[in-house]
Each structure stands twice: as structure tokens, then as C-alpha cells.
C-alpha atoms as a PDB file:
ATOM      1  CA  MET A   1      18.790   0.678  22.652  1.00  0.00           C
ATOM      2  CA  ILE A   2      19.284   2.554  25.919  1.00  0.00           C
ATOM      3  CA  SER A   3      18.368   0.414  28.893  1.00  0.00           C
ATOM      4  CA  PRO A   4      14.986   1.212  30.471  1.00  0.00           C
ATOM      5  CA  SER A   5      14.762   3.026  33.722  1.00  0.00           C
ATOM      6  CA  SER A   6      14.182   1.055  36.888  1.00  0.00           C
ATOM      7  CA  SER A   7      10.669   2.554  36.965  1.00  0.00           C
ATOM      8  CA  SER A   8       9.614   0.498  33.918  1.00  0.00           C
ATOM      9  CA  LYS A   9       6.825  -1.128  35.921  1.00  0.00           C
ATOM     10  CA  HIS A  10       4.544   1.710  34.706  1.00  0.00           C
ATOM     11  CA  GLY A  11       4.842   0.530  31.093  1.00  0.00           C
ATOM     12  CA  LEU A  12       7.916   2.657  30.531  1.00  0.00           C
ATOM     13  CA  ILE A  13      10.217   1.571  27.694  1.00  0.00           C
ATOM     14  CA  HIS A  14      12.845   4.238  28.299  1.00  0.00           C
ATOM     15  CA  ALA A  15      13.282   7.606  30.003  1.00  0.00           C
ATOM     16  CA  LEU A  16      15.921   9.869  28.479  1.00  0.00           C
ATOM     17  CA  LYS A  17      17.150  13.347  29.317  1.00  0.00           C
ATOM     18  CA  LEU A  18      18.666  15.399  26.494  1.00  0.00           C
ATOM     19  CA  THR A  19      22.017  16.997  27.259  1.00  0.00           C
ATOM     20  CA  GLN A  20      21.832  19.722  24.547  1.00  0.00           C
ATOM     21  CA  LEU A  21      24.993  18.208  23.086  1.00  0.00           C
ATOM     22  CA  GLY A  22      23.266  15.795  20.756  1.00  0.00           C
ATOM     23  CA  SER A  23      23.246  13.002  23.328  1.00  0.00           C
ATOM     24  CA  ALA A  24      21.001  11.738  26.120  1.00  0.00           C
ATOM     25  CA  GLY A  25      21.227   9.711  29.288  1.00  0.00           C
ATOM     26  CA  ALA A  26      18.829   7.319  30.957  1.00  0.00           C
ATOM     27  CA  VAL A  27      17.021   8.754  33.999  1.00  0.00           C
ATOM     28  CA  GLU A  28      14.378   7.649  36.443  1.00  0.00           C
ATOM     29  CA  LEU A  29      10.719   8.105  35.532  1.00  0.00           C
ATOM     30  CA  THR A  30       9.642  11.634  36.412  1.00  0.00           C
ATOM     31  CA  ALA A  31       6.701  13.778  35.370  1.00  0.00           C
ATOM     32  CA  ASP A  32       8.126  17.301  35.459  1.00  0.00           C
ATOM     33  CA  ALA A  33      11.791  17.235  34.430  1.00  0.00           C
ATOM     34  CA  ASP A  34      12.681  19.413  31.461  1.00  0.00           C
ATOM     35  CA  ALA A  35      14.289  18.071  28.277  1.00  0.00           C
ATOM     36  CA  THR A  36      13.054  14.533  29.010  1.00  0.00           C
ATOM     37  CA  TRP A  37      11.673  11.963  26.594  1.00  0.00           C
ATOM     38  CA  LEU A  38       9.462   9.320  28.168  1.00  0.00           C
ATOM     39  CA  HIS A  39       8.559   6.424  25.881  1.00  0.00           C
ATOM     40  CA  PHE A  40       5.801   4.021  26.977  1.00  0.00           C
ATOM     41  CA  ASP A  41       4.150   0.803  25.886  1.00  0.00           C
ATOM     42  CA  ALA A  42       0.598   1.868  24.986  1.00  0.00           C
ATOM     43  CA  ASP A  43      -0.678  -1.688  25.515  1.00  0.00           C
ATOM     44  CA  ASP A  44       0.345  -1.735  29.176  1.00  0.00           C
ATOM     45  CA  PRO A  45      -2.653  -0.872  31.430  1.00  0.00           C
ATOM     46  CA  GLU A  46      -0.300   0.896  33.856  1.00  0.00           C
ATOM     47  CA  THR A  47       0.639   3.441  31.189  1.00  0.00           C
ATOM     48  CA  ARG A  48      -2.742   5.191  31.092  1.00  0.00           C
ATOM     49  CA  ARG A  49      -2.997   5.204  34.879  1.00  0.00           C
ATOM     50  CA  TRP A  50       0.441   6.835  35.236  1.00  0.00           C
ATOM     51  CA  LEU A  51      -0.240   9.392  32.503  1.00  0.00           C
ATOM     52  CA  LEU A  52      -3.452  10.492  34.245  1.00  0.00           C
ATOM     53  CA  SER A  53      -2.359  10.335  37.883  1.00  0.00           C
ATOM     54  CA  GLU A  54       1.330  11.279  37.777  1.00  0.00           C
ATOM     55  CA  GLY A  55       2.081  12.402  34.244  1.00  0.00           C
ATOM     56  CA  GLY A  56      -0.286  15.360  34.458  1.00  0.00           C
ATOM     57  CA  LEU A  57      -1.945  14.685  31.083  1.00  0.00           C
ATOM     58  CA  SER A  58      -5.596  15.391  30.421  1.00  0.00           C
ATOM     59  CA  PRO A  59      -7.965  12.445  29.745  1.00  0.00           C
ATOM     60  CA  ILE A  60      -8.054  13.433  26.063  1.00  0.00           C
ATOM     61  CA  ALA A  61      -4.258  13.409  25.763  1.00  0.00           C
ATOM     62  CA  ALA A  62      -3.894  10.185  27.757  1.00  0.00           C
ATOM     63  CA  GLY A  63      -6.590   8.561  25.623  1.00  0.00           C
ATOM     64  CA  ALA A  64      -4.851   9.646  22.406  1.00  0.00           C
ATOM     65  CA  LEU A  65      -1.595   8.062  23.607  1.00  0.00           C
ATOM     66  CA  THR A  66      -3.110   4.731  24.711  1.00  0.00           C
ATOM     67  CA  THR A  67      -6.037   4.003  22.390  1.00  0.00           C
ATOM     68  CA  HIS A  68      -5.655   1.054  20.006  1.00  0.00           C
ATOM     69  CA  GLU A  69      -7.414   2.604  16.989  1.00  0.00           C
ATOM     70  CA  THR A  70      -5.744   5.762  15.746  1.00  0.00           C
ATOM     71  CA  ARG A  71      -5.597   7.897  12.631  1.00  0.00           C
ATOM     72  CA  PRO A  72      -3.021  10.620  11.902  1.00  0.00           C
ATOM     73  CA  ARG A  73      -4.125  13.891  13.508  1.00  0.00           C
ATOM     74  CA  VAL A  74      -2.965  16.924  15.467  1.00  0.00           C
ATOM     75  CA  LEU A  75      -4.600  18.272  18.639  1.00  0.00           C
ATOM     76  CA  ARG A  76      -3.430  21.467  20.304  1.00  0.00           C
ATOM     77  CA  ARG A  77      -4.382  23.246  23.488  1.00  0.00           C
ATOM     78  CA  GLY A  78      -2.172  26.185  24.344  1.00  0.00           C
ATOM     79  CA  ASP A  79       1.421  24.980  24.268  1.00  0.00           C
ATOM     80  CA  ASN A  80       0.379  21.336  24.649  1.00  0.00           C
ATOM     81  CA  LEU A  81       0.415  19.337  21.426  1.00  0.00           C
ATOM     82  CA  VAL A  82      -0.796  15.796  20.681  1.00  0.00           C
ATOM     83  CA  LEU A  83       0.409  14.266  17.432  1.00  0.00           C
ATOM     84  CA  THR A  84      -0.593  10.870  16.041  1.00  0.00           C
ATOM     85  CA  LEU A  85       1.282   9.463  13.034  1.00  0.00           C
ATOM     86  CA  ARG A  86       1.728   6.191  11.176  1.00  0.00           C
ATOM     87  CA  GLY A  87       5.047   4.671  10.087  1.00  0.00           C
ATOM     88  CA  VAL A  88       5.872   1.708   7.870  1.00  0.00           C
ATOM     89  CA  ASN A  89       6.236  -1.638   9.580  1.00  0.00           C
ATOM     90  CA  ARG A  90       9.873  -2.783   9.412  1.00  0.00           C
ATOM     91  CA  LEU A  91       9.509  -5.794  11.705  1.00  0.00           C
ATOM     92  CA  PRO A  92      10.894  -9.077  10.253  1.00  0.00           C
ATOM     93  CA  GLY A  93       8.232 -10.878   8.237  1.00  0.00           C
ATOM     94  CA  ALA A  94       5.787  -7.960   8.465  1.00  0.00           C
ATOM     95  CA  GLU A  95       4.177  -6.126   5.574  1.00  0.00           C
ATOM     96  CA  ALA A  96       5.296  -2.521   5.212  1.00  0.00           C
ATOM     97  CA  GLU A  97       1.744  -1.340   4.492  1.00  0.00           C
ATOM     98  CA  ASP A  98       0.650  -2.649   7.915  1.00  0.00           C
ATOM     99  CA  MET A  99       1.556   0.747   9.300  1.00  0.00           C
ATOM    100  CA  VAL A 100       2.560   1.209  12.936  1.00  0.00           C
ATOM    101  CA  SER A 101       1.009   3.973  15.008  1.00  0.00           C
ATOM    102  CA  LEU A 102       3.088   6.607  16.811  1.00  0.00           C
ATOM    103  CA  ARG A 103       1.528   8.784  19.535  1.00  0.00           C
ATOM    104  CA  ILE A 104       3.301  11.875  20.887  1.00  0.00           C
ATOM    105  CA  TRP A 105       2.436  14.481  23.507  1.00  0.00           C
ATOM    106  CA  THR A 106       4.730  17.443  24.123  1.00  0.00           C
ATOM    107  CA  ASN A 107       4.690  20.907  25.601  1.00  0.00           C
ATOM    108  CA  GLY A 108       8.066  21.888  24.156  1.00  0.00           C
ATOM    109  CA  SER A 109      10.048  21.150  27.293  1.00  0.00           C
ATOM    110  CA  ARG A 110       9.269  17.450  27.676  1.00  0.00           C
ATOM    111  CA  LEU A 111       7.961  14.762  25.356  1.00  0.00           C
ATOM    112  CA  ILE A 112       5.871  11.696  26.147  1.00  0.00           C
ATOM    113  CA  SER A 113       5.327   9.051  23.495  1.00  0.00           C
ATOM    114  CA  ALA A 114       3.685   5.642  23.303  1.00  0.00           C
ATOM    115  CA  ARG A 115       3.644   2.776  20.824  1.00  0.00           C
ATOM    116  CA  LEU A 116       2.013  -0.618  20.387  1.00  0.00           C
ATOM    117  CA  ARG A 117       4.766  -2.055  18.169  1.00  0.00           C
ATOM    118  CA  PRO A 118       8.414  -1.058  17.650  1.00  0.00           C
ATOM    119  CA  LEU A 119       9.095   1.556  14.997  1.00  0.00           C
ATOM    120  CA  GLN A 120      12.377   1.861  13.119  1.00  0.00           C
ATOM    121  CA  SER A 121      12.413   5.653  13.332  1.00  0.00           C
ATOM    122  CA  THR A 122      12.289   5.447  17.139  1.00  0.00           C
ATOM    123  CA  GLU A 123      15.319   3.166  17.257  1.00  0.00           C
ATOM    124  CA  ARG A 124      17.134   5.504  14.879  1.00  0.00           C
ATOM    125  CA  LEU A 125      16.536   8.469  17.201  1.00  0.00           C
ATOM    126  CA  VAL A 126      17.815   6.547  20.197  1.00  0.00           C
ATOM    127  CA  ASP A 127      20.892   5.322  18.318  1.00  0.00           C
ATOM    128  CA  GLU A 128      21.756   8.897  17.304  1.00  0.00           C
ATOM    129  CA  LEU A 129      21.405  10.063  20.899  1.00  0.00           C
ATOM    130  CA  LEU A 130      23.680   7.221  22.029  1.00  0.00           C
ATOM    131  CA  GLN A 131      26.309   8.294  19.507  1.00  0.00           C
ATOM    132  CA  GLY A 132      26.041  11.976  20.444  1.00  0.00           C
ATOM    133  CA  GLU A 133      24.590  12.931  17.064  1.00  0.00           C
ATOM    134  CA  GLY A 134      20.953  13.411  18.034  1.00  0.00           C
ATOM    135  CA  ALA A 135      18.619  16.292  18.799  1.00  0.00           C
ATOM    136  CA  ASN A 136      19.570  19.023  21.256  1.00  0.00           C
ATOM    137  CA  THR A 137      16.057  20.082  22.290  1.00  0.00           C
ATOM    138  CA  ILE A 138      12.591  18.567  22.487  1.00  0.00           C
ATOM    139  CA  PRO A 139      11.297  20.528  19.435  1.00  0.00           C
ATOM    140  CA  ASP A 140      14.313  19.278  17.452  1.00  0.00           C
ATOM    141  CA  LEU A 141      13.580  15.735  18.624  1.00  0.00           C
ATOM    142  CA  LEU A 142       9.947  16.042  17.533  1.00  0.00           C
ATOM    143  CA  VAL A 143      10.780  17.341  14.044  1.00  0.00           C
ATOM    144  CA  ASP A 144      13.538  14.751  13.567  1.00  0.00           C
ATOM    145  CA  TRP A 145      11.138  11.998  14.537  1.00  0.00           C
ATOM    146  CA  VAL A 146       8.485  13.196  12.087  1.00  0.00           C
ATOM    147  CA  GLU A 147      11.102  13.418   9.334  1.00  0.00           C
ATOM    148  CA  TYR A 148      12.357   9.871   9.972  1.00  0.00           C
ATOM    149  CA  VAL A 149       8.805   8.494   9.931  1.00  0.00           C
ATOM    150  CA  VAL A 150       8.198  10.071   6.510  1.00  0.00           C
ATOM    151  CA  ASP A 151      11.617   9.147   5.109  1.00  0.00           C
ATOM    152  CA  ASP A 152      11.079   5.481   5.996  1.00  0.00           C
ATOM    153  CA  MET A 153       8.209   5.415   3.505  1.00  0.00           C
ATOM    154  CA  ALA A 154      10.502   6.056   0.517  1.00  0.00           C
ATOM    155  CA  ASP A 155      11.815   2.492   0.235  1.00  0.00           C
ATOM    156  CA  SER A 156       8.341   0.995   0.507  1.00  0.00           C
ATOM    157  CA  ILE A 157       7.003   3.276  -2.238  1.00  0.00           C
ATOM    158  CA  ALA A 158      10.014   2.393  -4.420  1.00  0.00           C
ATOM    159  CA  ASP A 159       9.330  -1.317  -3.857  1.00  0.00           C
ATOM    160  CA  LEU A 160       5.749  -0.806  -4.979  1.00  0.00           C
ATOM    161  CA  GLU A 161       6.932   0.951  -8.144  1.00  0.00           C
ATOM    162  CA  LEU A 162       9.294  -1.931  -8.936  1.00  0.00           C
ATOM    163  CA  ASP A 163       6.541  -4.492  -8.335  1.00  0.00           C
ATOM    164  CA  VAL A 164       4.070  -2.745 -10.642  1.00  0.00           C
ATOM    165  CA  ALA A 165       6.785  -2.407 -13.311  1.00  0.00           C
ATOM    166  CA  SER A 166       7.428  -6.156 -13.063  1.00  0.00           C
ATOM    167  CA  ALA A 167       3.712  -6.851 -13.384  1.00  0.00           C
ATOM    168  CA  GLU A 168       3.518  -4.646 -16.489  1.00  0.00           C
ATOM    169  CA  ALA A 169       6.476  -6.454 -18.074  1.00  0.00           C
ATOM    170  CA  ALA A 170       4.999  -9.882 -17.287  1.00  0.00           C
ATOM    171  CA  ILE A 171       1.670  -9.232 -19.035  1.00  0.00           C
ATOM    172  CA  ASP A 172       3.035 -10.446 -22.400  1.00  0.00           C
ATOM    173  CA  GLU A 173       4.732 -13.584 -21.152  1.00  0.00           C
ATOM    174  CA  GLY A 174       3.463 -14.575 -17.715  1.00  0.00           C
ATOM    175  CA  ASP A 175       0.529 -16.632 -16.499  1.00  0.00           C
ATOM    176  CA  PRO A 176      -2.579 -14.388 -16.702  1.00  0.00           C
ATOM    177  CA  THR A 177      -4.074 -15.794 -13.496  1.00  0.00           C
ATOM    178  CA  SER A 178      -0.964 -15.179 -11.374  1.00  0.00           C
ATOM    179  CA  ILE A 179      -0.423 -11.741 -12.937  1.00  0.00           C
ATOM    180  CA  ARG A 180      -4.013 -10.738 -12.214  1.00  0.00           C
ATOM    181  CA  GLN A 181      -3.619 -11.849  -8.590  1.00  0.00           C
ATOM    182  CA  SER A 182      -0.362  -9.909  -8.210  1.00  0.00           C
ATOM    183  CA  ILE A 183      -1.926  -6.751  -9.649  1.00  0.00           C
ATOM    184  CA  VAL A 184      -4.886  -7.039  -7.273  1.00  0.00           C
ATOM    185  CA  ALA A 185      -2.433  -7.450  -4.378  1.00  0.00           C
ATOM    186  CA  LEU A 186      -0.541  -4.335  -5.540  1.00  0.00           C
ATOM    187  CA  ARG A 187      -3.726  -2.292  -5.600  1.00  0.00           C
ATOM    188  CA  LYS A 188      -4.619  -3.449  -2.096  1.00  0.00           C
ATOM    189  CA  ARG A 189      -1.156  -2.501  -0.811  1.00  0.00           C
ATOM    190  CA  ALA A 190      -1.405   0.935  -2.416  1.00  0.00           C
ATOM    191  CA  LEU A 191      -4.840   1.478  -0.883  1.00  0.00           C
ATOM    192  CA  GLN A 192      -3.587   0.470   2.566  1.00  0.00           C
ATOM    193  CA  PHE A 193      -0.711   2.935   2.308  1.00  0.00           C
ATOM    194  CA  ARG A 194      -2.924   5.765   1.111  1.00  0.00           C
ATOM    195  CA  ARG A 195      -5.461   5.166   3.861  1.00  0.00           C
ATOM    196  CA  TYR A 196      -3.053   6.717   6.367  1.00  0.00           C
ATOM    197  CA  MET A 197      -0.749   8.813   4.200  1.00  0.00           C
ATOM    198  CA  ALA A 198      -3.414  11.248   3.013  1.00  0.00           C
ATOM    199  CA  PRO A 199      -4.613  12.208   6.544  1.00  0.00           C
ATOM    200  CA  GLN A 200      -0.977  12.196   7.667  1.00  0.00           C
ATOM    201  CA  ARG A 201      -0.169  14.906   5.128  1.00  0.00           C
ATOM    202  CA  GLU A 202      -3.078  16.976   6.443  1.00  0.00           C
ATOM    203  CA  ALA A 203      -1.827  16.469  10.001  1.00  0.00           C
ATOM    204  CA  LEU A 204       1.694  17.612   9.099  1.00  0.00           C
ATOM    205  CA  THR A 205       0.356  20.606   7.195  1.00  0.00           C
ATOM    206  CA  ARG A 206      -1.678  21.607  10.225  1.00  0.00           C
ATOM    207  CA  LEU A 207       1.293  20.992  12.526  1.00  0.00           C
ATOM    208  CA  SER A 208       3.466  23.371  10.482  1.00  0.00           C
ATOM    209  CA  ALA A 209       0.721  26.012  10.792  1.00  0.00           C
ATOM    210  CA  GLU A 210       0.303  25.672  14.567  1.00  0.00           C
ATOM    211  CA  THR A 211       1.798  28.421  16.720  1.00  0.00           C
ATOM    212  CA  PRO A 212       2.837  27.089  20.143  1.00  0.00           C
ATOM    213  CA  THR A 213       5.486  29.347  21.630  1.00  0.00           C
ATOM    214  CA  TRP A 214       8.179  26.652  21.525  1.00  0.00           C
ATOM    215  CA  LEU A 215       7.773  25.893  17.787  1.00  0.00           C
ATOM    216  CA  THR A 216      10.101  28.268  15.938  1.00  0.00           C
ATOM    217  CA  GLU A 217       9.971  29.368  12.308  1.00  0.00           C
ATOM    218  CA  TYR A 218      12.897  27.058  11.577  1.00  0.00           C
ATOM    219  CA  HIS A 219      10.873  24.089  12.818  1.00  0.00           C
ATOM    220  CA  ARG A 220       7.829  25.160  10.793  1.00  0.00           C
ATOM    221  CA  VAL A 221       9.906  25.426   7.621  1.00  0.00           C
ATOM    222  CA  ARG A 222      11.241  21.917   8.210  1.00  0.00           C
ATOM    223  CA  LEU A 223       7.747  20.600   8.848  1.00  0.00           C
ATOM    224  CA  ARG A 224       6.456  22.208   5.645  1.00  0.00           C
ATOM    225  CA  ASP A 225       9.301  20.589   3.729  1.00  0.00           C
ATOM    226  CA  ILE A 226       8.461  17.217   5.287  1.00  0.00           C
ATOM    227  CA  ALA A 227       4.783  17.675   4.369  1.00  0.00           C
ATOM    228  CA  ASP A 228       5.805  18.470   0.775  1.00  0.00           C
ATOM    229  CA  ARG A 229       7.951  15.355   0.693  1.00  0.00           C
ATOM    230  CA  LEU A 230       5.030  13.285   1.952  1.00  0.00           C
ATOM    231  CA  MET A 231       2.854  14.837  -0.757  1.00  0.00           C
ATOM    232  CA  ARG A 232       5.333  13.615  -3.380  1.00  0.00           C
ATOM    233  CA  TYR A 233       5.149  10.134  -1.893  1.00  0.00           C
ATOM    234  CA  ILE A 234       1.358  10.273  -2.086  1.00  0.00           C
ATOM    235  CA  GLU A 235       1.580  11.346  -5.738  1.00  0.00           C
ATOM    236  CA  ASP A 236       3.947   8.428  -6.411  1.00  0.00           C
ATOM    237  CA  LEU A 237       1.485   6.141  -4.660  1.00  0.00           C
ATOM    238  CA  ASP A 238      -1.370   7.452  -6.803  1.00  0.00           C
ATOM    239  CA  GLN A 239       0.760   6.804  -9.876  1.00  0.00           C
ATOM    240  CA  VAL A 240       1.398   3.237  -8.717  1.00  0.00           C
ATOM    241  CA  ARG A 241      -2.324   2.743  -8.219  1.00  0.00           C
ATOM    242  CA  ASP A 242      -3.149   4.173 -11.665  1.00  0.00           C
ATOM    243  CA  ARG A 243      -0.478   2.040 -13.332  1.00  0.00           C
ATOM    244  CA  ALA A 244      -1.859  -1.043 -11.591  1.00  0.00           C
ATOM    245  CA  ILE A 245      -5.363  -0.190 -12.833  1.00  0.00           C
ATOM    246  CA  LEU A 246      -4.063   0.296 -16.390  1.00  0.00           C
ATOM    247  CA  ALA A 247      -2.134  -2.980 -16.209  1.00  0.00           C
ATOM    248  CA  GLN A 248      -5.242  -4.753 -14.985  1.00  0.00           C
ATOM    249  CA  GLU A 249      -7.315  -3.251 -17.792  1.00  0.00           C
ATOM    250  CA  GLU A 250      -4.632  -4.177 -20.367  1.00  0.00           C
ATOM    251  CA  LEU A 251      -4.552  -7.736 -19.059  1.00  0.00           C
ATOM    252  CA  ALA A 252      -8.359  -7.965 -19.204  1.00  0.00           C
ATOM    253  CA  ALA A 253      -8.353  -6.567 -22.765  1.00  0.00           C
ATOM    254  CA  ARG A 254      -5.733  -9.073 -23.895  1.00  0.00           C
ATOM    255  CA  LEU A 255      -7.630 -11.954 -22.323  1.00  0.00           C
ATOM    256  CA  ALA A 256     -10.805 -10.746 -24.053  1.00  0.00           C
ATOM    257  CA  ASP A 257      -8.977 -10.472 -27.398  1.00  0.00           C
ATOM    258  CA  ASP A 258      -7.589 -13.969 -26.976  1.00  0.00           C
ATOM    259  CA  MET A 259     -11.051 -15.307 -26.191  1.00  0.00           C
ATOM    260  CA  ASN A 260     -12.513 -13.472 -29.189  1.00  0.00           C
ATOM    261  CA  ARG A 261      -9.887 -14.983 -31.502  1.00  0.00           C
ATOM    262  CA  LYS A 262     -10.629 -18.470 -30.254  1.00  0.00           C
ATOM    263  CA  THR A 263     -14.376 -17.897 -30.575  1.00  0.00           C
ATOM    264  CA  TYR A 264     -13.839 -16.563 -34.106  1.00  0.00           C
ATOM    265  CA  VAL A 265     -11.953 -19.692 -35.145  1.00  0.00           C
ATOM    266  CA  PHE A 266     -14.642 -21.934 -33.663  1.00  0.00           C
ATOM    267  CA  THR A 267     -17.309 -19.930 -35.469  1.00  0.00           C
ATOM    268  CA  ILE A 268     -15.547 -20.250 -38.852  1.00  0.00           C
ATOM    269  CA  VAL A 269     -15.126 -23.997 -38.415  1.00  0.00           C
ATOM    270  CA  ALA A 270     -18.775 -24.383 -37.387  1.00  0.00           C
ATOM    271  CA  VAL A 271     -20.008 -22.359 -40.372  1.00  0.00           C
ATOM    272  CA  LEU A 272     -17.841 -24.388 -42.780  1.00  0.00           C
ATOM    273  CA  PHE A 273     -19.118 -27.710 -41.512  1.00  0.00           C
ATOM    274  CA  LEU A 274     -22.737 -26.692 -41.073  1.00  0.00           C
ATOM    275  CA  PRO A 275     -23.725 -27.215 -44.780  1.00  0.00           C
ATOM    276  CA  LEU A 276     -21.552 -30.310 -44.948  1.00  0.00           C
ATOM    277  CA  GLY A 277     -23.294 -31.763 -41.947  1.00  0.00           C
ATOM    278  CA  PHE A 278     -26.673 -30.937 -43.465  1.00  0.00           C
ATOM    279  CA  LEU A 279     -25.677 -32.553 -46.766  1.00  0.00           C
ATOM    280  CA  THR A 280     -24.282 -35.740 -45.268  1.00  0.00           C
ATOM    281  CA  GLY A 281     -27.229 -36.003 -42.897  1.00  0.00           C
ATOM    282  CA  LEU A 282     -29.681 -35.620 -45.735  1.00  0.00           C
ATOM    283  CA  LEU A 283     -27.963 -38.283 -47.859  1.00  0.00           C
ATOM    284  CA  GLY A 284     -27.717 -40.612 -44.892  1.00  0.00           C
ATOM    285  CA  VAL A 285     -31.451 -40.901 -44.244  1.00  0.00           C
ATOM    286  CA  ASN A 286     -32.634 -44.485 -44.396  1.00  0.00           C
ATOM    287  CA  VAL A 287     -35.343 -44.059 -47.041  1.00  0.00           C
ATOM    288  CA  GLY A 288     -35.637 -44.993 -50.703  1.00  0.00           C
ATOM    289  CA  GLY A 289     -34.730 -42.617 -53.486  1.00  0.00           C
ATOM    290  CA  VAL A 290     -31.415 -41.411 -52.123  1.00  0.00           C
ATOM    291  CA  PRO A 291     -29.487 -40.156 -55.195  1.00  0.00           C
ATOM    292  CA  GLY A 292     -26.324 -42.021 -56.159  1.00  0.00           C
ATOM    293  CA  LEU A 293     -27.260 -45.153 -54.306  1.00  0.00           C
ATOM    294  CA  ASP A 294     -26.336 -47.336 -57.267  1.00  0.00           C
ATOM    295  CA  GLU A 295     -23.649 -45.058 -58.703  1.00  0.00           C
ATOM    296  CA  PRO A 296     -20.111 -46.491 -58.136  1.00  0.00           C
ATOM    297  CA  HIS A 297     -18.497 -42.984 -58.125  1.00  0.00           C
ATOM    298  CA  ALA A 298     -21.146 -41.332 -55.938  1.00  0.00           C
ATOM    299  CA  PHE A 299     -18.776 -41.006 -52.950  1.00  0.00           C
ATOM    300  CA  ASN A 300     -16.191 -39.195 -55.071  1.00  0.00           C
ATOM    301  CA  TYR A 301     -18.868 -36.845 -56.342  1.00  0.00           C
ATOM    302  CA  LEU A 302     -19.993 -36.185 -52.764  1.00  0.00           C
ATOM    303  CA  MET A 303     -16.447 -35.372 -51.582  1.00  0.00           C
ATOM    304  CA  ALA A 304     -15.930 -33.092 -54.573  1.00  0.00           C
ATOM    305  CA  SER A 305     -19.201 -31.324 -53.778  1.00  0.00           C
ATOM    306  CA  CYS A 306     -18.168 -30.875 -50.144  1.00  0.00           C
ATOM    307  CA  GLY A 307     -14.815 -29.441 -51.238  1.00  0.00           C
ATOM    308  CA  ALA A 308     -16.539 -27.070 -53.641  1.00  0.00           C
ATOM    309  CA  ILE A 309     -18.890 -25.906 -50.862  1.00  0.00           C
ATOM    310  CA  ILE A 310     -15.940 -25.218 -48.519  1.00  0.00           C
ATOM    311  CA  VAL A 311     -14.084 -23.276 -51.215  1.00  0.00           C
ATOM    312  CA  ALA A 312     -17.236 -21.302 -52.038  1.00  0.00           C
ATOM    313  CA  LEU A 313     -17.760 -20.456 -48.343  1.00  0.00           C
ATOM    314  CA  LEU A 314     -14.119 -19.393 -47.932  1.00  0.00           C
ATOM    315  CA  LEU A 315     -14.357 -17.148 -50.981  1.00  0.00           C
ATOM    316  CA  CYS A 316     -17.597 -15.682 -49.613  1.00  0.00           C
ATOM    317  CA  PHE A 317     -15.934 -14.986 -46.240  1.00  0.00           C
ATOM    318  CA  LYS A 318     -13.015 -13.357 -48.024  1.00  0.00           C
ATOM    319  CA  TRP A 319     -15.312 -11.226 -50.146  1.00  0.00           C
ATOM    320  CA  GLN A 320     -17.265 -10.117 -47.062  1.00  0.00           C
ATOM    321  CA  ARG A 321     -13.945  -9.473 -45.266  1.00  0.00           C
ATOM    322  CA  TRP A 322     -14.850 -11.823 -42.459  1.00  0.00           C
ATOM    323  CA  MET A 323     -11.397 -13.413 -42.689  1.00  0.00           C
END
């Protein structure tokens, strides 16, 4: 990462000036230099004060760059453009669906951005500028940044697809409770992604349709292509969500079938022993006149009768196609 300027007391993370040769150099914090990229910490209270007093931004633009709660959107006034996006969280130990906000203001000649947490696409831009392989102009920098934010989503969507495929394969052999919990977690992750990706696609579509003087047709074509790519990611995300719902329904159906089979077996056993229980209970009453009381083979007759009743019931079940 390029070292911050000495004026970082205003919440500045870095101040870079593009050289139009694919590289950039660190400069002091200034509000009116052309081809400059000023990147701030949105959580620093000095950032908003500098943007309003020295940066020349309107209260609406300064608020969009420093507010904590953001959703993807595009605001334009003349040649001034405010863009708010969300990128996947690549911090160690973080969940990718905990998306990181990116706030950008630009008028085509300079760009001011702010973030609450580091974003991988930002570091990629800076690394390219360090190596002399970055953007030549501010519009190029903006479009590259948007493209990197969208491209970073591909791996996370692919991971979701692999996870739902694993959950589908584990339905036949895994623990139903753990599988159900993993499917629920997958659906939550997909919903969290889609919460920001759908409005982000609308924002990019609107951005490609905007007509500030510094946004050329080449940039609009690239932005439309990026919006189309994001649409494909959203479609993949919808497919992941639908597959998770189907897997959950399949798991619920299999659990219900398993419960029905067990209930069926219990019912058959209960029906078989119901007449036997009635018969033995009737013969076991402690009153006079019980048949076979003095018959030495009465027990054998009783067992034979019970066996005949069971066979008769089984044949009846077979005839009625209950078994």
C-alpha cells in the first residue's frame, strides 16, 4: 500500500495523483488538484469536516461518503457523481456475505472515496498503480474499481454453489439435523448477498445511462458489461437459493416418509396384538366359569388360537393391500 500523506490527520488514508502512465504517486492532501484520488476513513469525524469545509463537497455528497448505513445507489448533479457500492468482505475470519460499503464522489477530474473497512478491490487498484499497470485517468479508475468490486463476488458465489451441492449430496447419508441447519445457513447467506446485489445492479445500470461530460461511450459500454455480469451473478444466486429450498423440501419429505414408515410399523404391530390382548385379558379375569380352567392342554389351544388370529389378520391386511 502506498504510504499515506503527511496530512492524514483529516482521516486521510492515502492521496494519489495519477501520472497518465498507469502509475501514481503520493501527494499532500489538496482539494482542487486534477487527476487525484483521495481515500478517507469514513469513521473518522475529521473526514466529514474536511469534505465540507475544504473538500468543496455539498452536504448531501459529504453525508453519502460518511454515513454508516448505506445501500447501493447513484446520485448525479451536473458532472458531479456520487456512487455507493457494496463489495464482499475478504478480511481474515470474516464472512463474505457481510458486504463492505464503498462510497465514491467524482467530477471526472478528481475522485474522493471513503470506507469503513478495507476492501480487496481498493488494495488491488493501489497495487496496480504501484506497478505502473493501473488506470490513466479518473474515469478509468472509477470503472476499474467498479469492475473489481463485481469480479470479487465470483468466488463467493462459486463457494455458495459448492456448499449447496454438498448439502444436496449429504441428504441421503448425513445427519438430518446438521444438514437442515447447513441448508438454513446457506439460505441466509444467499439472502444477505441478494439484499445488496439487486440494488447494486440497478445502480450500475443507471450509472451506465448517466451522461456526465467526462463519461465516454467506452466507459458506458464497460459499465453495461459489468452490470450484465452482475446480473448473471444474481441469477446464479437465485439458483443457489432455489436449490437450497428444494433440498430443504426434499429433506423434509424424506423425514416425513421415514416417520410415516415407522408409524405404519407401529400401527401394524398394535393392530396384531389388539385382539390378542383382548383375548388374554378376557381369559385372565378372576371369576368362575373361565373356559379351559381344568383342561390340561388349554394353554396350547390358546397359543394356537392366537397364532391363527395373527395369520388371519395378516391375510386380511394382504387382501386389503395394507401391507
